[in-house]
Amino acid sequence: MTFLIIATVLAIAYLLIARWLRADLFRCLLVVSLLSLFVTLHLGLNYVGSMADNPEGIGLTSSYLLWIFGDSNWSTYRFGNAFRISSWISFVLLIALAGTALVRKRD
């Protein structure tokens, strides 16, 4: 959960810095949206994988997901909650990307 908040803040900071440097907002949003979709995909795969019956307990499908969840308190609920939040963040970023694409097309 903390990772998602940090990633969102870093994405917004990246967008502001890129805008300050007069970079194209559309390209910046495209990069951030693709990164967000990548994280959402891996969180979704981990959530589905955590629901399988495994006698050894819950496992992670990607090693970088340890940054999000740490080494303790793993649960299907936490994985599902992180996936839902990440999905909403990706959705909002894609809406913003579509909006900037429309504005860019007008100009």
C-alpha atoms as a PDB file:
ATOM      1  CA  MET A   1       0.000   0.000   0.000  1.00  0.00           C
ATOM      2  CA  THR A   2       2.777   2.383   0.911  1.00  0.00           C
ATOM      3  CA  PHE A   3       4.495   1.613  -2.372  1.00  0.00           C
ATOM      4  CA  LEU A   4       1.405   2.653  -4.339  1.00  0.00           C
ATOM      5  CA  ILE A   5       1.250   5.977  -2.550  1.00  0.00           C
ATOM      6  CA  ILE A   6       4.958   6.570  -3.102  1.00  0.00           C
ATOM      7  CA  ALA A   7       4.666   5.547  -6.763  1.00  0.00           C
ATOM      8  CA  THR A   8       1.752   7.943  -7.276  1.00  0.00           C
ATOM      9  CA  VAL A   9       3.611  10.822  -5.643  1.00  0.00           C
ATOM     10  CA  LEU A  10       6.706  10.073  -7.726  1.00  0.00           C
ATOM     11  CA  ALA A  11       4.609   9.901 -10.891  1.00  0.00           C
ATOM     12  CA  ILE A  12       3.043  13.283 -10.162  1.00  0.00           C
ATOM     13  CA  ALA A  13       6.461  14.747  -9.341  1.00  0.00           C
ATOM     14  CA  TYR A  14       7.806  13.336 -12.586  1.00  0.00           C
ATOM     15  CA  LEU A  15       4.950  14.920 -14.519  1.00  0.00           C
ATOM     16  CA  LEU A  16       5.494  18.287 -12.864  1.00  0.00           C
ATOM     17  CA  ILE A  17       9.237  18.207 -13.499  1.00  0.00           C
ATOM     18  CA  ALA A  18       8.705  17.158 -17.096  1.00  0.00           C
ATOM     19  CA  ARG A  19       6.193  19.954 -17.556  1.00  0.00           C
ATOM     20  CA  TRP A  20       8.624  22.398 -15.963  1.00  0.00           C
ATOM     21  CA  LEU A  21      11.275  21.305 -18.440  1.00  0.00           C
ATOM     22  CA  ARG A  22       8.758  21.956 -21.227  1.00  0.00           C
ATOM     23  CA  ALA A  23       8.529  18.306 -22.190  1.00  0.00           C
ATOM     24  CA  ASP A  24       5.449  16.940 -23.863  1.00  0.00           C
ATOM     25  CA  LEU A  25       2.803  16.074 -21.251  1.00  0.00           C
ATOM     26  CA  PHE A  26       1.348  13.346 -23.446  1.00  0.00           C
ATOM     27  CA  ARG A  27       4.626  11.410 -23.575  1.00  0.00           C
ATOM     28  CA  CYS A  28       5.113  11.771 -19.826  1.00  0.00           C
ATOM     29  CA  LEU A  29       1.619  10.470 -19.112  1.00  0.00           C
ATOM     30  CA  LEU A  30       2.178   7.639 -21.564  1.00  0.00           C
ATOM     31  CA  VAL A  31       5.299   6.472 -19.716  1.00  0.00           C
ATOM     32  CA  VAL A  32       3.672   6.759 -16.286  1.00  0.00           C
ATOM     33  CA  SER A  33       0.521   4.989 -17.521  1.00  0.00           C
ATOM     34  CA  LEU A  34       2.524   2.109 -18.959  1.00  0.00           C
ATOM     35  CA  LEU A  35       4.462   1.718 -15.708  1.00  0.00           C
ATOM     36  CA  SER A  36       1.220   1.800 -13.751  1.00  0.00           C
ATOM     37  CA  LEU A  37      -0.337  -0.841 -16.009  1.00  0.00           C
ATOM     38  CA  PHE A  38       2.752  -3.020 -15.565  1.00  0.00           C
ATOM     39  CA  VAL A  39       2.481  -2.822 -11.773  1.00  0.00           C
ATOM     40  CA  THR A  40      -1.284  -3.436 -11.910  1.00  0.00           C
ATOM     41  CA  LEU A  41      -0.783  -6.505 -14.087  1.00  0.00           C
ATOM     42  CA  HIS A  42       1.730  -7.994 -11.666  1.00  0.00           C
ATOM     43  CA  LEU A  43      -0.448  -7.200  -8.660  1.00  0.00           C
ATOM     44  CA  GLY A  44      -3.380  -8.899 -10.396  1.00  0.00           C
ATOM     45  CA  LEU A  45      -1.312 -11.986 -11.177  1.00  0.00           C
ATOM     46  CA  ASN A  46      -0.147 -12.112  -7.575  1.00  0.00           C
ATOM     47  CA  TYR A  47      -3.719 -11.744  -6.307  1.00  0.00           C
ATOM     48  CA  VAL A  48      -4.957 -14.604  -8.482  1.00  0.00           C
ATOM     49  CA  GLY A  49      -1.947 -16.707  -7.507  1.00  0.00           C
ATOM     50  CA  SER A  50      -2.585 -16.120  -3.810  1.00  0.00           C
ATOM     51  CA  MET A  51      -6.080 -17.583  -4.080  1.00  0.00           C
ATOM     52  CA  ALA A  52      -4.774 -20.992  -5.198  1.00  0.00           C
ATOM     53  CA  ASP A  53      -4.592 -23.677  -2.534  1.00  0.00           C
ATOM     54  CA  ASN A  54      -0.940 -24.118  -1.682  1.00  0.00           C
ATOM     55  CA  PRO A  55       0.188 -26.173   1.327  1.00  0.00           C
ATOM     56  CA  GLU A  56       3.273 -23.982   1.692  1.00  0.00           C
ATOM     57  CA  GLY A  57       1.283 -20.765   2.127  1.00  0.00           C
ATOM     58  CA  ILE A  58       0.979 -17.632   0.018  1.00  0.00           C
ATOM     59  CA  GLY A  59       3.790 -16.839  -2.380  1.00  0.00           C
ATOM     60  CA  LEU A  60       4.768 -13.852  -4.485  1.00  0.00           C
ATOM     61  CA  THR A  61       4.921 -14.135  -8.262  1.00  0.00           C
ATOM     62  CA  SER A  62       7.429 -11.286  -8.679  1.00  0.00           C
ATOM     63  CA  SER A  63      10.401 -10.422  -6.521  1.00  0.00           C
ATOM     64  CA  TYR A  64       9.801  -6.662  -6.709  1.00  0.00           C
ATOM     65  CA  LEU A  65       6.428  -7.122  -5.025  1.00  0.00           C
ATOM     66  CA  LEU A  66       8.385  -7.521  -1.792  1.00  0.00           C
ATOM     67  CA  TRP A  67       8.857  -3.735  -1.973  1.00  0.00           C
ATOM     68  CA  ILE A  68       5.093  -3.314  -1.776  1.00  0.00           C
ATOM     69  CA  PHE A  69       4.203  -5.885   0.849  1.00  0.00           C
ATOM     70  CA  GLY A  70       7.391  -6.483   2.789  1.00  0.00           C
ATOM     71  CA  ASP A  71       8.175  -9.827   4.395  1.00  0.00           C
ATOM     72  CA  SER A  72       5.184 -10.183   6.696  1.00  0.00           C
ATOM     73  CA  ASN A  73       1.404  -9.853   6.913  1.00  0.00           C
ATOM     74  CA  TRP A  74       0.699 -11.362   3.511  1.00  0.00           C
ATOM     75  CA  SER A  75      -2.954 -12.074   2.913  1.00  0.00           C
ATOM     76  CA  THR A  76      -5.290 -12.495  -0.009  1.00  0.00           C
ATOM     77  CA  TYR A  77      -7.205  -9.444   1.236  1.00  0.00           C
ATOM     78  CA  ARG A  78      -4.097  -7.213   1.152  1.00  0.00           C
ATOM     79  CA  PHE A  79      -3.162  -8.467  -2.313  1.00  0.00           C
ATOM     80  CA  GLY A  80      -6.698  -7.838  -3.576  1.00  0.00           C
ATOM     81  CA  ASN A  81      -6.860  -4.390  -1.987  1.00  0.00           C
ATOM     82  CA  ALA A  82      -3.526  -3.361  -3.524  1.00  0.00           C
ATOM     83  CA  PHE A  83      -4.706  -4.645  -6.910  1.00  0.00           C
ATOM     84  CA  ARG A  84      -7.967  -2.669  -6.710  1.00  0.00           C
ATOM     85  CA  ILE A  85      -6.199   0.558  -5.730  1.00  0.00           C
ATOM     86  CA  SER A  86      -3.600   0.095  -8.460  1.00  0.00           C
ATOM     87  CA  SER A  87      -6.379  -0.568 -10.984  1.00  0.00           C
ATOM     88  CA  TRP A  88      -8.075   2.718 -10.087  1.00  0.00           C
ATOM     89  CA  ILE A  89      -4.798   4.624 -10.337  1.00  0.00           C
ATOM     90  CA  SER A  90      -4.171   3.092 -13.770  1.00  0.00           C
ATOM     91  CA  PHE A  91      -7.718   3.933 -14.846  1.00  0.00           C
ATOM     92  CA  VAL A  92      -7.356   7.580 -13.803  1.00  0.00           C
ATOM     93  CA  LEU A  93      -3.994   7.828 -15.561  1.00  0.00           C
ATOM     94  CA  LEU A  94      -5.475   6.358 -18.747  1.00  0.00           C
ATOM     95  CA  ILE A  95      -8.362   8.854 -18.621  1.00  0.00           C
ATOM     96  CA  ALA A  96      -5.831  11.675 -18.211  1.00  0.00           C
ATOM     97  CA  LEU A  97      -3.835  10.241 -21.117  1.00  0.00           C
ATOM     98  CA  ALA A  98      -6.939  10.165 -23.314  1.00  0.00           C
ATOM     99  CA  GLY A  99      -7.749  13.753 -22.334  1.00  0.00           C
ATOM    100  CA  THR A 100      -4.284  14.977 -23.228  1.00  0.00           C
ATOM    101  CA  ALA A 101      -4.462  13.056 -26.506  1.00  0.00           C
ATOM    102  CA  LEU A 102      -7.702  14.854 -27.404  1.00  0.00           C
ATOM    103  CA  VAL A 103      -6.265  18.247 -26.490  1.00  0.00           C
ATOM    104  CA  ARG A 104      -3.105  17.449 -28.418  1.00  0.00           C
ATOM    105  CA  LYS A 105      -5.130  16.400 -31.461  1.00  0.00           C
ATOM    106  CA  ARG A 106      -7.033  19.706 -31.431  1.00  0.00           C
ATOM    107  CA  ASP A 107      -3.853  21.755 -31.511  1.00  0.00           C
END
